Protein backbone atom coordinates (compact mmCIF):
# COMPACT_ATOMS: atom_id res chain seq x y z
CA UNK A 1 -6.56 -6.75 -45.62
CA UNK A 2 -4.90 -9.44 -43.52
CA UNK A 3 -2.84 -10.74 -46.42
CA UNK A 4 -1.90 -7.21 -47.50
CA UNK A 5 -0.81 -6.27 -43.97
CA UNK A 6 1.19 -9.48 -43.58
CA UNK A 7 2.90 -9.05 -46.95
CA UNK A 8 3.75 -5.44 -46.09
CA UNK A 9 5.11 -6.47 -42.68
CA UNK A 10 7.14 -9.25 -44.33
CA UNK A 11 8.65 -6.83 -46.83
CA UNK A 12 9.49 -4.30 -44.11
CA UNK A 13 11.00 -6.95 -41.87
CA UNK A 14 13.02 -8.32 -44.78
CA UNK A 15 14.43 -4.86 -45.46
CA UNK A 16 15.28 -4.37 -41.81
CA UNK A 17 16.88 -7.81 -41.47
CA UNK A 18 18.79 -7.14 -44.67
CA UNK A 19 20.20 -3.93 -43.24
CA UNK A 20 21.51 -5.70 -40.15
CA UNK A 21 22.90 -8.52 -42.28
CA UNK A 22 24.60 -6.03 -44.60
CA UNK A 23 26.43 -4.58 -41.63
CA UNK A 24 27.55 -8.10 -40.70
CA UNK A 25 28.87 -9.24 -44.06
CA UNK A 26 29.80 -5.99 -45.84
CA UNK A 27 30.04 -2.81 -43.80
CA UNK A 28 31.89 -4.01 -40.71
CA UNK A 29 34.32 -6.22 -42.67
CA UNK A 30 34.97 -3.26 -44.97
CA UNK A 31 35.54 -0.90 -42.06
CA UNK A 32 37.86 -3.46 -40.43
CA UNK A 33 40.30 -2.56 -43.22
CA UNK A 34 40.16 1.17 -42.37
CA UNK A 35 42.50 3.08 -40.13
CA UNK A 36 41.34 3.73 -36.57
CA UNK A 37 40.47 7.37 -37.30
CA UNK A 38 38.63 6.45 -40.50
CA UNK A 39 36.71 3.71 -38.69
CA UNK A 40 35.57 6.05 -35.92
CA UNK A 41 34.65 8.81 -38.38
CA UNK A 42 32.74 6.38 -40.61
CA UNK A 43 30.76 4.85 -37.74
CA UNK A 44 29.91 8.28 -36.41
CA UNK A 45 28.71 9.30 -39.86
CA UNK A 46 26.66 6.11 -40.29
CA UNK A 47 25.06 6.60 -36.87
CA UNK A 48 23.86 10.05 -37.93
CA UNK A 49 22.84 9.06 -41.46
CA UNK A 50 20.76 6.08 -40.36
CA UNK A 51 18.32 8.31 -38.50
CA UNK A 52 16.12 8.95 -41.51
CA UNK A 53 12.50 8.32 -42.56
CA UNK A 54 13.24 5.21 -44.61
CA UNK A 55 15.01 3.56 -41.69
CA UNK A 56 12.18 4.60 -39.35
CA UNK A 57 9.61 3.08 -41.71
CA UNK A 58 11.39 -0.26 -42.02
CA UNK A 59 12.61 -0.52 -38.42
CA UNK A 60 9.32 0.50 -36.81
CA UNK A 61 6.94 -0.49 -39.56
CA UNK A 62 7.98 -4.14 -39.55
CA UNK A 63 6.69 -4.52 -36.00
CA UNK A 64 3.63 -2.29 -36.15
CA UNK A 65 2.36 -3.54 -39.50
CA UNK A 66 3.11 -7.09 -38.33
CA UNK A 67 1.05 -6.45 -35.21
CA UNK A 68 -1.78 -5.14 -37.39
CA UNK A 69 -1.60 -8.30 -39.52
CA UNK A 70 -1.72 -10.40 -36.36
CA UNK A 71 -4.79 -8.62 -35.04
CA UNK A 72 -6.60 -8.75 -38.38
CA UNK A 73 -5.82 -12.43 -38.91
CA UNK A 74 -6.03 -13.64 -35.33
CA UNK A 75 -7.87 -16.85 -36.13
CA UNK A 76 -6.01 -17.96 -39.22
CA UNK A 77 -3.19 -20.45 -39.68
CA UNK A 78 -0.55 -17.73 -39.95
CA UNK A 79 -0.96 -16.63 -36.32
CA UNK A 80 1.77 -18.76 -34.66
CA UNK A 81 4.23 -17.84 -37.39
CA UNK A 82 3.47 -14.13 -37.12
CA UNK A 83 3.77 -14.26 -33.32
CA UNK A 84 7.12 -16.07 -33.59
CA UNK A 85 8.32 -13.61 -36.23
CA UNK A 86 7.39 -10.60 -34.14
CA UNK A 87 9.01 -12.01 -31.00
CA UNK A 88 12.24 -12.75 -32.87
CA UNK A 89 12.16 -9.31 -34.49
CA UNK A 90 11.58 -7.50 -31.21
CA UNK A 91 14.41 -9.43 -29.56
CA UNK A 92 16.82 -8.73 -32.40
CA UNK A 93 15.83 -5.32 -33.67
CA UNK A 94 14.62 -3.59 -30.53
CA UNK A 95 16.03 -5.27 -27.43
CA UNK A 96 19.59 -5.67 -28.71
CA UNK A 97 19.59 -2.35 -30.56
CA UNK A 98 18.39 -0.29 -27.60
CA UNK A 99 20.21 -2.26 -24.89
CA UNK A 100 23.57 -2.64 -26.63
CA UNK A 101 24.15 -1.03 -30.02
CA UNK A 102 22.62 2.42 -29.45
CA UNK A 103 24.40 2.95 -26.10
CA UNK A 104 27.64 1.91 -27.77
CA UNK A 105 26.95 4.33 -30.65
CA UNK A 106 26.31 7.11 -28.14
CA UNK A 107 29.52 6.31 -26.29
CA UNK A 108 31.47 6.34 -29.55
CA UNK A 109 29.93 9.68 -30.51
CA UNK A 110 30.79 11.29 -27.17
CA UNK A 111 34.08 9.47 -26.84
CA UNK A 112 37.28 11.20 -26.01
CA UNK A 113 40.71 9.77 -26.40
CA UNK A 114 42.53 8.22 -29.28
CA UNK A 115 40.74 6.73 -32.24
CA UNK A 116 42.49 3.44 -31.46
CA UNK A 117 41.08 3.31 -27.93
CA UNK A 118 37.59 4.28 -29.11
CA UNK A 119 37.68 1.60 -31.78
CA UNK A 120 39.03 -1.01 -29.38
CA UNK A 121 36.12 -0.43 -27.00
CA UNK A 122 33.57 -0.53 -29.82
CA UNK A 123 34.24 -2.64 -32.88
CA UNK A 124 34.29 -6.29 -31.80
CA UNK A 125 31.47 -6.05 -29.25
CA UNK A 126 29.24 -3.96 -31.54
CA UNK A 127 29.84 -6.35 -34.43
CA UNK A 128 29.12 -9.44 -32.33
CA UNK A 129 25.79 -8.02 -31.19
CA UNK A 130 24.97 -6.96 -34.73
CA UNK A 131 25.48 -10.57 -35.82
CA UNK A 132 22.88 -11.53 -33.20
CA UNK A 133 20.51 -8.87 -34.58
CA UNK A 134 21.06 -10.26 -38.07
CA UNK A 135 20.26 -13.83 -37.07
CA UNK A 136 17.19 -12.96 -35.00
CA UNK A 137 15.64 -10.54 -37.47
CA UNK A 138 16.30 -12.88 -40.39
CA UNK A 139 14.65 -15.71 -38.46
CA UNK A 140 11.71 -13.38 -37.79
CA UNK A 141 11.50 -12.59 -41.50
CA UNK A 142 11.48 -16.29 -42.38
CA UNK A 143 8.64 -16.85 -39.89
CA UNK A 144 6.59 -14.11 -41.57
CA UNK A 145 7.26 -15.64 -44.99
CA UNK A 146 6.01 -19.00 -43.73
CA UNK A 147 3.01 -17.27 -42.13
CA UNK A 148 2.19 -15.54 -45.40
CA UNK A 149 2.28 -18.90 -47.16
CA UNK A 150 -0.26 -20.25 -44.64
CA UNK A 151 -2.97 -17.72 -45.57
């Protein structure tokens, strides 16, 4: 069960890290080419579309299944790697998302004014913090891969 839980957590964390990375190297560079109004409309649409069961499973499941793997395999050699992976994931996926990206998404959604002013207040800061999410969650994923190899 420990190996199964850790492999499931690793897969979920890899999917989640991949999503953040995709925003960094595909979605945001692609949207950078869009007009201000198109950018704002697209981000608003993405922020609604992302709230779905698949995202919930990967975003939440990576941590909770990882925690289950940690509890089930507390005494094995994977423990320090799983702990490190979960800490990195929580910092990247949860702390940054809920402290920075979600409030910015909410502000963009409720924003009044020109598309140019909304974009100016959003794009560069949101993208910078997403890069941080990408790096931290990918590092967490790598830790879980190493942990899985230790079992």
